[in-house]
């Protein structure tokens, strides 16, 4: 009974903290996002992702560092205290929430793995000069493989970065024929930027922390991360125009796929999307590219983060015992 009560109390605290923080985030993230608009877009993307993961990380840290130790150290083992309805219900809900997150992420990973496997069944390597393997996909061959396996049709994007452990860039032969050499190179650099930023892994984590009311925050992060990849792919006004031209050319293919009702695989970083407003914003940003862009902004040293972390650890080290007592008092009230 002691172990069961400890698990229920820990999951209850996790659910309460996670739910409160998620609700507060759904209400206040836009204010933080608006105040960050003057900063480099890659920092904005990192900030939005950090905010999205903040409820889960904070709830997990509070549960692991405070709730579990306070229960193990201060809860009498000899007392056969009955488990109340509230911690039992919250514990079951917390366990269900974790199971749903794992299942949602696993299903998304399985779905994209099967789709990419069909796409790459007859892929050919391309000598591209970028530090990530590039495979050329023939849409006709991919569709033929899909029909022969009696699987639902899935549109192949003109260019996309797929994979988490072994990332690679998948390039449609149609897209390759539409782009000039310079346009193709800048487009490939965009996909390499997604790989370096591990955006597919971040998308998988978003599936794990799926929560009602977070769709707009995740959409804002997707837009920011695309712009961040655009920014990382160009180093001159000419390259920016090349990438803008590639986006305009390939967006016609995506609009055709969207009109046919086909869906692009999840957990991949496609170069172009069917969201017209996002595409227009990216093209306008590239056309207005300037050598005095955000690269001139002052970078924050990692020493600032290290100093803040050490100060936080020192503060908790001094007050840790008192905090455990207060946390145990709060969990006792919860149990009763």
C-alpha atoms as a PDB file:
ATOM      1  CA  UNK A   1       0.000   0.000   0.000  1.00  0.00           C
ATOM      2  CA  UNK A   2       2.929   2.367   0.718  1.00  0.00           C
ATOM      3  CA  UNK A   3       4.313   1.977  -2.809  1.00  0.00           C
ATOM      4  CA  UNK A   4       0.867   2.347  -4.395  1.00  0.00           C
ATOM      5  CA  UNK A   5       0.173   5.474  -2.357  1.00  0.00           C
ATOM      6  CA  UNK A   6       3.550   6.922  -3.342  1.00  0.00           C
ATOM      7  CA  UNK A   7       2.911   6.319  -7.039  1.00  0.00           C
ATOM      8  CA  UNK A   8      -0.563   7.838  -6.827  1.00  0.00           C
ATOM      9  CA  UNK A   9       0.688  10.911  -4.972  1.00  0.00           C
ATOM     10  CA  UNK A  10       3.575  11.428  -7.407  1.00  0.00           C
ATOM     11  CA  UNK A  11       1.334  11.116 -10.465  1.00  0.00           C
ATOM     12  CA  UNK A  12      -1.224  13.425  -8.838  1.00  0.00           C
ATOM     13  CA  UNK A  13       1.365  16.161  -8.303  1.00  0.00           C
ATOM     14  CA  UNK A  14       2.619  15.697 -11.852  1.00  0.00           C
ATOM     15  CA  UNK A  15      -0.890  16.019 -13.314  1.00  0.00           C
ATOM     16  CA  UNK A  16      -1.722  19.100 -11.236  1.00  0.00           C
ATOM     17  CA  UNK A  17       1.495  20.931 -12.112  1.00  0.00           C
ATOM     18  CA  UNK A  18       1.376  19.855 -15.746  1.00  0.00           C
ATOM     19  CA  UNK A  19      -2.268  20.850 -16.167  1.00  0.00           C
ATOM     20  CA  UNK A  20      -1.924  24.247 -14.477  1.00  0.00           C
ATOM     21  CA  UNK A  21       1.207  25.171 -16.414  1.00  0.00           C
ATOM     22  CA  UNK A  22      -0.267  23.967 -19.716  1.00  0.00           C
ATOM     23  CA  UNK A  23      -3.413  26.032 -19.169  1.00  0.00           C
ATOM     24  CA  UNK A  24      -1.362  29.112 -18.263  1.00  0.00           C
ATOM     25  CA  UNK A  25       0.851  28.569 -21.319  1.00  0.00           C
ATOM     26  CA  UNK A  26      -2.133  28.304 -23.661  1.00  0.00           C
ATOM     27  CA  UNK A  27      -3.289  31.718 -22.416  1.00  0.00           C
ATOM     28  CA  UNK A  28       0.010  33.592 -22.233  1.00  0.00           C
ATOM     29  CA  UNK A  29       2.367  32.288 -24.910  1.00  0.00           C
ATOM     30  CA  UNK A  30       1.310  34.884 -27.487  1.00  0.00           C
ATOM     31  CA  UNK A  31       2.419  37.742 -25.248  1.00  0.00           C
ATOM     32  CA  UNK A  32       5.905  36.230 -24.903  1.00  0.00           C
ATOM     33  CA  UNK A  33       6.002  35.496 -28.633  1.00  0.00           C
ATOM     34  CA  UNK A  34       5.096  39.088 -29.557  1.00  0.00           C
ATOM     35  CA  UNK A  35       7.835  40.483 -27.309  1.00  0.00           C
ATOM     36  CA  UNK A  36      10.386  38.208 -29.001  1.00  0.00           C
ATOM     37  CA  UNK A  37       9.719  39.366 -32.560  1.00  0.00           C
ATOM     38  CA  UNK A  38      12.776  41.633 -32.644  1.00  0.00           C
ATOM     39  CA  UNK A  39      15.152  38.743 -31.907  1.00  0.00           C
ATOM     40  CA  UNK A  40      16.751  36.339 -34.440  1.00  0.00           C
ATOM     41  CA  UNK A  41      14.175  33.932 -35.797  1.00  0.00           C
ATOM     42  CA  UNK A  42      16.149  30.873 -34.690  1.00  0.00           C
ATOM     43  CA  UNK A  43      15.988  32.146 -31.111  1.00  0.00           C
ATOM     44  CA  UNK A  44      12.261  32.674 -31.511  1.00  0.00           C
ATOM     45  CA  UNK A  45      11.905  29.075 -32.726  1.00  0.00           C
ATOM     46  CA  UNK A  46      13.963  27.792 -29.788  1.00  0.00           C
ATOM     47  CA  UNK A  47      11.916  29.908 -27.367  1.00  0.00           C
ATOM     48  CA  UNK A  48       8.602  28.612 -28.704  1.00  0.00           C
ATOM     49  CA  UNK A  49       9.759  25.009 -28.471  1.00  0.00           C
ATOM     50  CA  UNK A  50      11.110  25.572 -24.948  1.00  0.00           C
ATOM     51  CA  UNK A  51       7.776  27.069 -23.899  1.00  0.00           C
ATOM     52  CA  UNK A  52       5.907  24.121 -25.384  1.00  0.00           C
ATOM     53  CA  UNK A  53       8.047  21.640 -23.448  1.00  0.00           C
ATOM     54  CA  UNK A  54       8.114  23.728 -20.248  1.00  0.00           C
ATOM     55  CA  UNK A  55       5.008  22.208 -18.578  1.00  0.00           C
ATOM     56  CA  UNK A  56       6.237  18.635 -19.046  1.00  0.00           C
ATOM     57  CA  UNK A  57       9.823  19.325 -17.954  1.00  0.00           C
ATOM     58  CA  UNK A  58       8.794  21.402 -14.941  1.00  0.00           C
ATOM     59  CA  UNK A  59       6.193  18.879 -13.780  1.00  0.00           C
ATOM     60  CA  UNK A  60       8.699  16.028 -14.166  1.00  0.00           C
ATOM     61  CA  UNK A  61      11.433  17.912 -12.271  1.00  0.00           C
ATOM     62  CA  UNK A  62       9.133  18.901  -9.408  1.00  0.00           C
ATOM     63  CA  UNK A  63       7.846  15.338  -9.118  1.00  0.00           C
ATOM     64  CA  UNK A  64      11.287  13.705  -9.264  1.00  0.00           C
ATOM     65  CA  UNK A  65      13.231  16.182  -7.101  1.00  0.00           C
ATOM     66  CA  UNK A  66      10.633  17.174  -4.516  1.00  0.00           C
ATOM     67  CA  UNK A  67       7.532  14.956  -4.453  1.00  0.00           C
ATOM     68  CA  UNK A  68       9.171  11.522  -4.563  1.00  0.00           C
ATOM     69  CA  UNK A  69      12.000  12.296  -2.056  1.00  0.00           C
ATOM     70  CA  UNK A  70       9.607  14.007   0.366  1.00  0.00           C
ATOM     71  CA  UNK A  71       7.283  11.017   0.322  1.00  0.00           C
ATOM     72  CA  UNK A  72      10.068   8.445   0.730  1.00  0.00           C
ATOM     73  CA  UNK A  73      11.833  10.352   3.526  1.00  0.00           C
ATOM     74  CA  UNK A  74       8.921  11.802   5.510  1.00  0.00           C
ATOM     75  CA  UNK A  75       5.959   9.452   4.967  1.00  0.00           C
ATOM     76  CA  UNK A  76       5.624   6.848   7.746  1.00  0.00           C
ATOM     77  CA  UNK A  77       5.712   3.331   6.329  1.00  0.00           C
ATOM     78  CA  UNK A  78       3.994   1.722   9.302  1.00  0.00           C
ATOM     79  CA  UNK A  79       0.763   3.665   8.921  1.00  0.00           C
ATOM     80  CA  UNK A  80      -1.857   1.897   6.824  1.00  0.00           C
ATOM     81  CA  UNK A  81      -3.450   5.061   5.478  1.00  0.00           C
ATOM     82  CA  UNK A  82      -6.252   4.566   2.941  1.00  0.00           C
ATOM     83  CA  UNK A  83      -5.825   6.125  -0.486  1.00  0.00           C
ATOM     84  CA  UNK A  84      -8.325   8.896  -1.149  1.00  0.00           C
ATOM     85  CA  UNK A  85     -10.481   9.188  -4.249  1.00  0.00           C
ATOM     86  CA  UNK A  86      -8.787  12.368  -5.502  1.00  0.00           C
ATOM     87  CA  UNK A  87      -5.185  11.080  -5.637  1.00  0.00           C
ATOM     88  CA  UNK A  88      -6.444   7.773  -7.034  1.00  0.00           C
ATOM     89  CA  UNK A  89      -8.351   9.519  -9.835  1.00  0.00           C
ATOM     90  CA  UNK A  90      -5.462  11.897 -10.578  1.00  0.00           C
ATOM     91  CA  UNK A  91      -3.014   8.995 -10.538  1.00  0.00           C
ATOM     92  CA  UNK A  92      -5.080   7.028 -13.050  1.00  0.00           C
ATOM     93  CA  UNK A  93      -5.418  10.133 -15.222  1.00  0.00           C
ATOM     94  CA  UNK A  94      -1.655  10.734 -15.054  1.00  0.00           C
ATOM     95  CA  UNK A  95      -0.904   7.158 -16.048  1.00  0.00           C
ATOM     96  CA  UNK A  96      -3.400   7.436 -18.912  1.00  0.00           C
ATOM     97  CA  UNK A  97      -1.832  10.711 -20.020  1.00  0.00           C
ATOM     98  CA  UNK A  98       1.603   9.094 -20.167  1.00  0.00           C
ATOM     99  CA  UNK A  99       0.282   6.086 -22.052  1.00  0.00           C
ATOM    100  CA  UNK A 100      -1.494   8.323 -24.562  1.00  0.00           C
ATOM    101  CA  UNK A 101       1.682  10.354 -25.142  1.00  0.00           C
ATOM    102  CA  UNK A 102       3.807   7.269 -25.748  1.00  0.00           C
ATOM    103  CA  UNK A 103       1.166   5.697 -28.019  1.00  0.00           C
ATOM    104  CA  UNK A 104       0.684   8.924 -29.985  1.00  0.00           C
ATOM    105  CA  UNK A 105       4.433   9.314 -30.571  1.00  0.00           C
ATOM    106  CA  UNK A 106       4.863   5.620 -31.427  1.00  0.00           C
ATOM    107  CA  UNK A 107       2.010   5.662 -33.949  1.00  0.00           C
ATOM    108  CA  UNK A 108       3.372   8.800 -35.625  1.00  0.00           C
ATOM    109  CA  UNK A 109       6.843   7.259 -35.801  1.00  0.00           C
ATOM    110  CA  UNK A 110       5.485   4.008 -37.236  1.00  0.00           C
ATOM    111  CA  UNK A 111       3.388   5.852 -39.799  1.00  0.00           C
ATOM    112  CA  UNK A 112       6.262   7.990 -41.072  1.00  0.00           C
ATOM    113  CA  UNK A 113       8.661   5.019 -41.091  1.00  0.00           C
ATOM    114  CA  UNK A 114       6.341   3.025 -43.343  1.00  0.00           C
ATOM    115  CA  UNK A 115       5.756   6.007 -45.632  1.00  0.00           C
ATOM    116  CA  UNK A 116       9.445   6.857 -46.014  1.00  0.00           C
ATOM    117  CA  UNK A 117      10.223   3.174 -46.615  1.00  0.00           C
ATOM    118  CA  UNK A 118       7.789   3.190 -49.553  1.00  0.00           C
ATOM    119  CA  UNK A 119       9.270   6.407 -50.889  1.00  0.00           C
ATOM    120  CA  UNK A 120      12.844   5.115 -50.744  1.00  0.00           C
ATOM    121  CA  UNK A 121      12.179   1.624 -52.101  1.00  0.00           C
ATOM    122  CA  UNK A 122      13.838   2.514 -55.412  1.00  0.00           C
ATOM    123  CA  UNK A 123      15.775   5.624 -54.364  1.00  0.00           C
ATOM    124  CA  UNK A 124      19.102   6.532 -55.884  1.00  0.00           C
ATOM    125  CA  UNK A 125      21.903   8.417 -54.089  1.00  0.00           C
ATOM    126  CA  UNK A 126      22.752  11.891 -55.340  1.00  0.00           C
ATOM    127  CA  UNK A 127      26.200  13.489 -55.206  1.00  0.00           C
ATOM    128  CA  UNK A 128      25.074  16.804 -53.739  1.00  0.00           C
ATOM    129  CA  UNK A 129      28.050  18.088 -51.754  1.00  0.00           C
ATOM    130  CA  UNK A 130      26.009  18.541 -48.548  1.00  0.00           C
ATOM    131  CA  UNK A 131      26.936  16.695 -45.323  1.00  0.00           C
ATOM    132  CA  UNK A 132      23.693  14.671 -45.296  1.00  0.00           C
ATOM    133  CA  UNK A 133      22.858  11.754 -47.643  1.00  0.00           C
ATOM    134  CA  UNK A 134      20.555  12.830 -50.480  1.00  0.00           C
ATOM    135  CA  UNK A 135      18.304  10.303 -52.232  1.00  0.00           C
ATOM    136  CA  UNK A 136      16.516  10.886 -55.526  1.00  0.00           C
ATOM    137  CA  UNK A 137      12.934   9.585 -55.555  1.00  0.00           C
ATOM    138  CA  UNK A 138      10.879   8.988 -58.665  1.00  0.00           C
ATOM    139  CA  UNK A 139       7.194   9.752 -57.877  1.00  0.00           C
ATOM    140  CA  UNK A 140       6.074   7.228 -60.530  1.00  0.00           C
ATOM    141  CA  UNK A 141       8.094   4.404 -58.969  1.00  0.00           C
ATOM    142  CA  UNK A 142       6.860   5.333 -55.488  1.00  0.00           C
ATOM    143  CA  UNK A 143       3.234   5.287 -56.599  1.00  0.00           C
ATOM    144  CA  UNK A 144       3.747   1.925 -58.328  1.00  0.00           C
ATOM    145  CA  UNK A 145       5.199   0.411 -55.130  1.00  0.00           C
ATOM    146  CA  UNK A 146       2.258   1.774 -53.144  1.00  0.00           C
ATOM    147  CA  UNK A 147      -0.319   0.259 -55.485  1.00  0.00           C
ATOM    148  CA  UNK A 148       1.425  -3.099 -55.594  1.00  0.00           C
ATOM    149  CA  UNK A 149       1.372  -3.255 -51.791  1.00  0.00           C
ATOM    150  CA  UNK A 150      -2.313  -2.211 -51.651  1.00  0.00           C
ATOM    151  CA  UNK A 151      -1.405   0.741 -49.431  1.00  0.00           C
ATOM    152  CA  UNK A 152      -3.082   4.171 -49.361  1.00  0.00           C
ATOM    153  CA  UNK A 153      -1.512   6.761 -51.659  1.00  0.00           C
ATOM    154  CA  UNK A 154       0.724   9.323 -49.989  1.00  0.00           C
ATOM    155  CA  UNK A 155       1.988  12.366 -51.849  1.00  0.00           C
ATOM    156  CA  UNK A 156       5.729  12.713 -52.008  1.00  0.00           C
ATOM    157  CA  UNK A 157       6.899  16.256 -51.215  1.00  0.00           C
ATOM    158  CA  UNK A 158       9.323  17.878 -53.676  1.00  0.00           C
ATOM    159  CA  UNK A 159      12.066  17.885 -51.057  1.00  0.00           C
ATOM    160  CA  UNK A 160      12.060  16.821 -47.417  1.00  0.00           C
ATOM    161  CA  UNK A 161      14.399  15.852 -44.592  1.00  0.00           C
ATOM    162  CA  UNK A 162      13.388  12.490 -43.137  1.00  0.00           C
ATOM    163  CA  UNK A 163      14.740  10.411 -40.281  1.00  0.00           C
ATOM    164  CA  UNK A 164      15.832  11.071 -36.718  1.00  0.00           C
ATOM    165  CA  UNK A 165      18.696   8.674 -35.994  1.00  0.00           C
ATOM    166  CA  UNK A 166      19.864   8.430 -39.612  1.00  0.00           C
ATOM    167  CA  UNK A 167      18.598  11.612 -41.291  1.00  0.00           C
ATOM    168  CA  UNK A 168      18.618  12.010 -45.058  1.00  0.00           C
ATOM    169  CA  UNK A 169      17.213  14.392 -47.612  1.00  0.00           C
ATOM    170  CA  UNK A 170      14.700  12.980 -50.080  1.00  0.00           C
ATOM    171  CA  UNK A 171      14.574  14.787 -53.418  1.00  0.00           C
ATOM    172  CA  UNK A 172      11.880  14.337 -56.038  1.00  0.00           C
ATOM    173  CA  UNK A 173      13.196  13.894 -59.556  1.00  0.00           C
ATOM    174  CA  UNK A 174      10.500  16.326 -60.726  1.00  0.00           C
ATOM    175  CA  UNK A 175      11.700  18.976 -58.266  1.00  0.00           C
ATOM    176  CA  UNK A 176      15.314  18.392 -59.283  1.00  0.00           C
ATOM    177  CA  UNK A 177      14.461  19.028 -62.939  1.00  0.00           C
ATOM    178  CA  UNK A 178      12.603  22.253 -62.091  1.00  0.00           C
ATOM    179  CA  UNK A 179      15.434  23.929 -60.176  1.00  0.00           C
ATOM    180  CA  UNK A 180      18.676  25.450 -61.347  1.00  0.00           C
ATOM    181  CA  UNK A 181      21.940  24.326 -59.761  1.00  0.00           C
ATOM    182  CA  UNK A 182      22.058  27.322 -57.389  1.00  0.00           C
ATOM    183  CA  UNK A 183      18.403  26.977 -56.426  1.00  0.00           C
ATOM    184  CA  UNK A 184      18.850  23.278 -55.727  1.00  0.00           C
ATOM    185  CA  UNK A 185      21.920  23.907 -53.571  1.00  0.00           C
ATOM    186  CA  UNK A 186      20.239  26.523 -51.373  1.00  0.00           C
ATOM    187  CA  UNK A 187      17.172  24.300 -51.036  1.00  0.00           C
ATOM    188  CA  UNK A 188      19.371  21.407 -49.896  1.00  0.00           C
ATOM    189  CA  UNK A 189      21.061  23.709 -47.369  1.00  0.00           C
ATOM    190  CA  UNK A 190      17.601  24.481 -45.978  1.00  0.00           C
ATOM    191  CA  UNK A 191      16.961  20.792 -45.390  1.00  0.00           C
ATOM    192  CA  UNK A 192      20.422  20.324 -43.849  1.00  0.00           C
ATOM    193  CA  UNK A 193      19.564  23.124 -41.408  1.00  0.00           C
ATOM    194  CA  UNK A 194      16.495  21.137 -40.305  1.00  0.00           C
ATOM    195  CA  UNK A 195      18.704  18.101 -39.733  1.00  0.00           C
ATOM    196  CA  UNK A 196      21.249  20.071 -37.697  1.00  0.00           C
ATOM    197  CA  UNK A 197      18.508  21.582 -35.541  1.00  0.00           C
ATOM    198  CA  UNK A 198      16.951  18.112 -35.049  1.00  0.00           C
ATOM    199  CA  UNK A 199      13.522  19.411 -36.008  1.00  0.00           C
ATOM    200  CA  UNK A 200      12.126  15.940 -36.738  1.00  0.00           C
ATOM    201  CA  UNK A 201      13.012  14.833 -33.202  1.00  0.00           C
ATOM    202  CA  UNK A 202      11.309  17.941 -31.844  1.00  0.00           C
ATOM    203  CA  UNK A 203       8.185  17.099 -33.847  1.00  0.00           C
ATOM    204  CA  UNK A 204       8.212  13.631 -32.311  1.00  0.00           C
ATOM    205  CA  UNK A 205       8.431  15.166 -28.829  1.00  0.00           C
ATOM    206  CA  UNK A 206       5.452  17.370 -29.664  1.00  0.00           C
ATOM    207  CA  UNK A 207       3.458  14.223 -30.399  1.00  0.00           C
ATOM    208  CA  UNK A 208       4.423  12.919 -26.965  1.00  0.00           C
ATOM    209  CA  UNK A 209       3.205  16.077 -25.181  1.00  0.00           C
ATOM    210  CA  UNK A 210       0.000  16.505 -27.209  1.00  0.00           C
ATOM    211  CA  UNK A 211      -2.404  18.630 -25.164  1.00  0.00           C
ATOM    212  CA  UNK A 212      -5.662  20.495 -25.985  1.00  0.00           C
ATOM    213  CA  UNK A 213      -5.272  24.183 -26.841  1.00  0.00           C
ATOM    214  CA  UNK A 214      -1.634  23.972 -28.014  1.00  0.00           C
ATOM    215  CA  UNK A 215      -2.244  23.804 -31.776  1.00  0.00           C
ATOM    216  CA  UNK A 216      -1.648  27.524 -32.340  1.00  0.00           C
ATOM    217  CA  UNK A 217       1.628  27.483 -30.387  1.00  0.00           C
ATOM    218  CA  UNK A 218       2.862  24.471 -32.342  1.00  0.00           C
ATOM    219  CA  UNK A 219       1.863  26.141 -35.624  1.00  0.00           C
ATOM    220  CA  UNK A 220       3.824  29.256 -34.647  1.00  0.00           C
ATOM    221  CA  UNK A 221       6.855  27.076 -33.843  1.00  0.00           C
ATOM    222  CA  UNK A 222       6.596  25.320 -37.219  1.00  0.00           C
ATOM    223  CA  UNK A 223       6.543  28.667 -39.012  1.00  0.00           C
ATOM    224  CA  UNK A 224       9.497  29.977 -36.999  1.00  0.00           C
ATOM    225  CA  UNK A 225      11.567  26.852 -37.541  1.00  0.00           C
ATOM    226  CA  UNK A 226      11.006  27.054 -41.321  1.00  0.00           C
ATOM    227  CA  UNK A 227      12.193  30.655 -41.326  1.00  0.00           C
ATOM    228  CA  UNK A 228      15.164  29.697 -39.179  1.00  0.00           C
ATOM    229  CA  UNK A 229      16.125  27.021 -41.710  1.00  0.00           C
ATOM    230  CA  UNK A 230      15.722  29.559 -44.521  1.00  0.00           C
ATOM    231  CA  UNK A 231      18.028  31.939 -42.692  1.00  0.00           C
ATOM    232  CA  UNK A 232      20.643  29.244 -42.083  1.00  0.00           C
ATOM    233  CA  UNK A 233      20.612  28.249 -45.767  1.00  0.00           C
ATOM    234  CA  UNK A 234      21.586  31.641 -47.224  1.00  0.00           C
ATOM    235  CA  UNK A 235      24.600  33.877 -46.720  1.00  0.00           C
ATOM    236  CA  UNK A 236      24.029  36.478 -49.427  1.00  0.00           C
ATOM    237  CA  UNK A 237      21.205  38.290 -51.164  1.00  0.00           C
ATOM    238  CA  UNK A 238      21.751  36.146 -54.260  1.00  0.00           C
ATOM    239  CA  UNK A 239      21.310  32.913 -52.312  1.00  0.00           C
ATOM    240  CA  UNK A 240      18.210  34.354 -50.651  1.00  0.00           C
ATOM    241  CA  UNK A 241      16.684  35.063 -54.057  1.00  0.00           C
ATOM    242  CA  UNK A 242      17.633  31.558 -55.246  1.00  0.00           C
ATOM    243  CA  UNK A 243      15.832  30.001 -52.282  1.00  0.00           C
ATOM    244  CA  UNK A 244      12.799  32.262 -52.758  1.00  0.00           C
ATOM    245  CA  UNK A 245      12.629  31.214 -56.410  1.00  0.00           C
ATOM    246  CA  UNK A 246      12.876  27.539 -55.439  1.00  0.00           C
ATOM    247  CA  UNK A 247      10.022  27.972 -52.961  1.00  0.00           C
ATOM    248  CA  UNK A 248       7.825  29.601 -55.600  1.00  0.00           C
ATOM    249  CA  UNK A 249       8.535  26.923 -58.188  1.00  0.00           C
ATOM    250  CA  UNK A 250       8.028  23.948 -55.862  1.00  0.00           C
ATOM    251  CA  UNK A 251       4.957  25.401 -54.160  1.00  0.00           C
ATOM    252  CA  UNK A 252       3.045  24.653 -57.378  1.00  0.00           C
ATOM    253  CA  UNK A 253       3.688  20.936 -56.869  1.00  0.00           C
ATOM    254  CA  UNK A 254       2.505  21.096 -53.264  1.00  0.00           C
ATOM    255  CA  UNK A 255      -0.690  22.928 -54.229  1.00  0.00           C
ATOM    256  CA  UNK A 256      -1.408  20.228 -56.814  1.00  0.00           C
ATOM    257  CA  UNK A 257      -0.896  17.486 -54.204  1.00  0.00           C
ATOM    258  CA  UNK A 258      -3.097  19.352 -51.738  1.00  0.00           C
ATOM    259  CA  UNK A 259      -5.877  19.649 -54.317  1.00  0.00           C
ATOM    260  CA  UNK A 260      -5.722  15.911 -54.941  1.00  0.00           C
ATOM    261  CA  UNK A 261      -6.398  15.257 -51.256  1.00  0.00           C
ATOM    262  CA  UNK A 262      -3.125  13.459 -50.594  1.00  0.00           C
ATOM    263  CA  UNK A 263      -1.330  13.934 -47.284  1.00  0.00           C
ATOM    264  CA  UNK A 264       2.385  14.444 -46.732  1.00  0.00           C
ATOM    265  CA  UNK A 265       4.034  12.230 -44.129  1.00  0.00           C
ATOM    266  CA  UNK A 266       4.334  13.531 -40.591  1.00  0.00           C
ATOM    267  CA  UNK A 267       7.634  13.943 -38.717  1.00  0.00           C
ATOM    268  CA  UNK A 268       9.457  15.112 -41.838  1.00  0.00           C
ATOM    269  CA  UNK A 269      10.754  18.592 -42.645  1.00  0.00           C
ATOM    270  CA  UNK A 270       9.414  19.411 -46.104  1.00  0.00           C
ATOM    271  CA  UNK A 271      10.851  22.404 -47.948  1.00  0.00           C
ATOM    272  CA  UNK A 272       7.461  23.741 -49.008  1.00  0.00           C
ATOM    273  CA  UNK A 273       4.022  23.434 -47.418  1.00  0.00           C
ATOM    274  CA  UNK A 274       0.451  23.971 -48.515  1.00  0.00           C
ATOM    275  CA  UNK A 275      -0.030  26.855 -46.027  1.00  0.00           C
ATOM    276  CA  UNK A 276      -0.104  29.827 -48.393  1.00  0.00           C
ATOM    277  CA  UNK A 277       0.293  32.513 -45.716  1.00  0.00           C
ATOM    278  CA  UNK A 278       3.441  30.879 -44.315  1.00  0.00           C
ATOM    279  CA  UNK A 279       4.899  30.436 -47.794  1.00  0.00           C
ATOM    280  CA  UNK A 280       4.218  34.081 -48.652  1.00  0.00           C
ATOM    281  CA  UNK A 281       5.851  35.244 -45.411  1.00  0.00           C
ATOM    282  CA  UNK A 282       8.947  33.137 -46.116  1.00  0.00           C
ATOM    283  CA  UNK A 283       9.277  34.401 -49.679  1.00  0.00           C
ATOM    284  CA  UNK A 284       8.833  38.024 -48.613  1.00  0.00           C
ATOM    285  CA  UNK A 285      11.432  37.589 -45.882  1.00  0.00           C
ATOM    286  CA  UNK A 286      13.934  36.120 -48.346  1.00  0.00           C
ATOM    287  CA  UNK A 287      13.355  38.837 -50.936  1.00  0.00           C
ATOM    288  CA  UNK A 288      13.963  41.471 -48.248  1.00  0.00           C
ATOM    289  CA  UNK A 289      17.153  39.702 -47.076  1.00  0.00           C
ATOM    290  CA  UNK A 290      19.980  42.023 -46.050  1.00  0.00           C
ATOM    291  CA  UNK A 291      23.622  41.555 -45.118  1.00  0.00           C
ATOM    292  CA  UNK A 292      22.846  43.434 -41.919  1.00  0.00           C
ATOM    293  CA  UNK A 293      20.473  40.702 -40.761  1.00  0.00           C
ATOM    294  CA  UNK A 294      20.252  39.145 -37.338  1.00  0.00           C
ATOM    295  CA  UNK A 295      23.743  37.642 -37.556  1.00  0.00           C
ATOM    296  CA  UNK A 296      24.986  40.992 -36.278  1.00  0.00           C
ATOM    297  CA  UNK A 297      22.980  40.551 -33.098  1.00  0.00           C
ATOM    298  CA  UNK A 298      25.008  39.927 -29.995  1.00  0.00           C
ATOM    299  CA  UNK A 299      25.229  36.292 -29.005  1.00  0.00           C
ATOM    300  CA  UNK A 300      24.670  35.287 -25.401  1.00  0.00           C
ATOM    301  CA  UNK A 301      27.574  33.459 -23.844  1.00  0.00           C
ATOM    302  CA  UNK A 302      27.006  29.986 -22.427  1.00  0.00           C
ATOM    303  CA  UNK A 303      28.665  31.229 -19.250  1.00  0.00           C
ATOM    304  CA  UNK A 304      25.520  33.220 -18.402  1.00  0.00           C
ATOM    305  CA  UNK A 305      23.438  30.058 -18.495  1.00  0.00           C
ATOM    306  CA  UNK A 306      26.007  28.160 -16.444  1.00  0.00           C
ATOM    307  CA  UNK A 307      26.102  30.915 -13.818  1.00  0.00           C
ATOM    308  CA  UNK A 308      22.303  30.946 -13.570  1.00  0.00           C
ATOM    309  CA  UNK A 309      22.224  27.140 -13.225  1.00  0.00           C
ATOM    310  CA  UNK A 310      24.855  27.178 -10.457  1.00  0.00           C
ATOM    311  CA  UNK A 311      22.998  29.920  -8.591  1.00  0.00           C
ATOM    312  CA  UNK A 312      19.762  27.925  -8.806  1.00  0.00           C
ATOM    313  CA  UNK A 313      21.445  24.765  -7.532  1.00  0.00           C
ATOM    314  CA  UNK A 314      23.036  26.690  -4.649  1.00  0.00           C
ATOM    315  CA  UNK A 315      19.682  28.220  -3.697  1.00  0.00           C
ATOM    316  CA  UNK A 316      17.945  24.857  -3.671  1.00  0.00           C
ATOM    317  CA  UNK A 317      20.846  23.320  -1.763  1.00  0.00           C
ATOM    318  CA  UNK A 318      20.333  25.765   1.090  1.00  0.00           C
ATOM    319  CA  UNK A 319      16.539  25.451   1.245  1.00  0.00           C
ATOM    320  CA  UNK A 320      16.047  21.866   0.053  1.00  0.00           C
ATOM    321  CA  UNK A 321      15.145  20.358   3.446  1.00  0.00           C
ATOM    322  CA  UNK A 322      12.532  23.009   4.179  1.00  0.00           C
ATOM    323  CA  UNK A 323      11.090  22.592   0.712  1.00  0.00           C
ATOM    324  CA  UNK A 324      10.742  18.832   1.183  1.00  0.00           C
ATOM    325  CA  UNK A 325       8.839  19.386   4.444  1.00  0.00           C
ATOM    326  CA  UNK A 326       6.447  21.826   2.761  1.00  0.00           C
ATOM    327  CA  UNK A 327       5.918  19.566  -0.211  1.00  0.00           C
ATOM    328  CA  UNK A 328       5.150  16.641   2.100  1.00  0.00           C
ATOM    329  CA  UNK A 329       2.634  18.779   3.991  1.00  0.00           C
ATOM    330  CA  UNK A 330       0.926  19.657   0.716  1.00  0.00           C
ATOM    331  CA  UNK A 331       0.796  16.023  -0.426  1.00  0.00           C
ATOM    332  CA  UNK A 332      -0.602  14.984   2.962  1.00  0.00           C
ATOM    333  CA  UNK A 333      -3.446  17.430   2.413  1.00  0.00           C
ATOM    334  CA  UNK A 334      -3.955  15.974  -1.043  1.00  0.00           C
ATOM    335  CA  UNK A 335      -4.168  12.414   0.266  1.00  0.00           C
ATOM    336  CA  UNK A 336      -6.685  13.335   2.901  1.00  0.00           C
END
